Amino acid sequence: MVAVDADAAAASTIQLTKNGVLQPQAQSAGTSPTFTTLVQVPQNNTNCCCTSPTTIQVVNPTAAAETLTSLNVVVTKLC
C-alpha cells in the first residue's frame, strides 16, 4: 500500500509510477494532492536472480514546473 500526501502554494499534480509506467488509479491534483493505492509487486527484495526489484516513484506527470512545500510517502507491506 502506498499513501502519499503533499502541499503546494499553487495547484499541482502528483502521480505514482511503477517501473516507469504511470498508474492511473494513483493521481491527484490541487494545493493538497493526496492518494492511497495498492501496488502488487513480485518477490521484491529477494536474493533470487530471476526476479528484479519494483521501482515506485512519485512524479509530476505534467510539463509544467511545480513546487511542493511538503511531500509525505508511506509504503506499507501487506501480506
Protein backbone atom coordinates (compact mmCIF):
# COMPACT_ATOMS: atom_id res chain seq x y z
CA MET A 1 0.00 0.00 0.00
CA VAL A 2 1.35 3.43 -0.94
CA ALA A 3 -0.11 6.54 0.70
CA VAL A 4 1.01 9.97 -0.50
CA ASP A 5 0.05 13.48 0.56
CA ALA A 6 1.57 16.81 -0.42
CA ASP A 7 1.15 20.55 -0.01
CA ALA A 8 1.83 23.26 -2.58
CA ALA A 9 1.32 27.02 -2.83
CA ALA A 10 -0.32 26.60 -6.26
CA ALA A 11 -2.32 23.76 -7.77
CA SER A 12 0.00 20.83 -8.50
CA THR A 13 -0.34 17.30 -9.84
CA ILE A 14 1.36 14.17 -8.48
CA GLN A 15 1.15 10.62 -9.76
CA LEU A 16 2.66 7.26 -8.90
CA THR A 17 4.77 5.27 -11.35
CA LYS A 18 5.53 1.56 -11.15
CA ASN A 19 8.63 0.57 -13.12
CA GLY A 20 8.31 3.82 -15.10
CA VAL A 21 4.62 3.35 -16.01
CA LEU A 22 2.13 5.95 -14.75
CA GLN A 23 -0.54 4.39 -12.53
CA PRO A 24 -3.94 5.94 -13.40
CA GLN A 25 -5.50 4.96 -10.04
CA ALA A 26 -2.81 6.92 -8.16
CA GLN A 27 -3.05 10.53 -9.28
CA SER A 28 -4.18 13.70 -7.55
CA ALA A 29 -4.19 17.44 -8.22
CA GLY A 30 -4.76 20.62 -6.23
CA THR A 31 -3.00 22.52 -3.47
CA SER A 32 -3.15 19.42 -1.23
CA PRO A 33 -2.92 16.42 -3.57
CA THR A 34 -3.29 13.02 -1.90
CA PHE A 35 -3.89 9.39 -2.84
CA THR A 36 -3.71 5.88 -1.39
CA THR A 37 -3.37 2.84 -3.63
CA LEU A 38 -2.36 -0.80 -3.62
CA VAL A 39 0.60 -1.85 -5.78
CA GLN A 40 1.27 -5.51 -6.41
CA VAL A 41 4.96 -6.43 -6.62
CA PRO A 42 6.56 -9.79 -7.43
CA GLN A 43 9.00 -11.26 -4.91
CA ASN A 44 10.75 -7.97 -4.23
CA ASN A 45 13.90 -7.78 -2.10
CA THR A 46 14.87 -11.40 -2.59
CA ASN A 47 18.22 -12.95 -3.39
CA CYS A 48 16.69 -14.86 -6.31
CA CYS A 49 18.41 -13.85 -9.57
CA CYS A 50 15.26 -14.48 -11.64
CA THR A 51 13.34 -11.61 -10.05
CA SER A 52 14.03 -7.89 -10.20
CA PRO A 53 13.04 -5.13 -7.78
CA THR A 54 9.98 -3.00 -8.45
CA THR A 55 10.65 0.74 -8.72
CA ILE A 56 7.98 3.02 -7.26
CA GLN A 57 8.22 6.81 -7.77
CA VAL A 58 6.01 9.84 -7.15
CA VAL A 59 6.32 12.18 -10.13
CA ASN A 60 4.88 15.32 -11.69
CA PRO A 61 3.18 13.94 -14.83
CA THR A 62 2.71 17.38 -16.39
CA ALA A 63 5.10 19.54 -18.40
CA ALA A 64 4.63 22.49 -16.03
CA ALA A 65 7.21 23.15 -13.33
CA GLU A 66 5.66 22.71 -9.89
CA THR A 67 6.97 23.30 -6.39
CA LEU A 68 5.72 21.27 -3.43
CA THR A 69 6.19 22.65 0.06
CA SER A 70 5.97 19.15 1.56
CA LEU A 71 5.59 15.57 0.37
CA ASN A 72 4.92 12.55 2.58
CA VAL A 73 5.16 8.98 1.30
CA VAL A 74 4.26 5.91 3.37
CA VAL A 75 4.80 2.40 1.99
CA THR A 76 3.21 -0.44 3.94
CA LYS A 77 3.87 -4.06 3.07
CA LEU A 78 0.68 -6.11 3.24
CA CYS A 79 0.95 -9.88 3.33
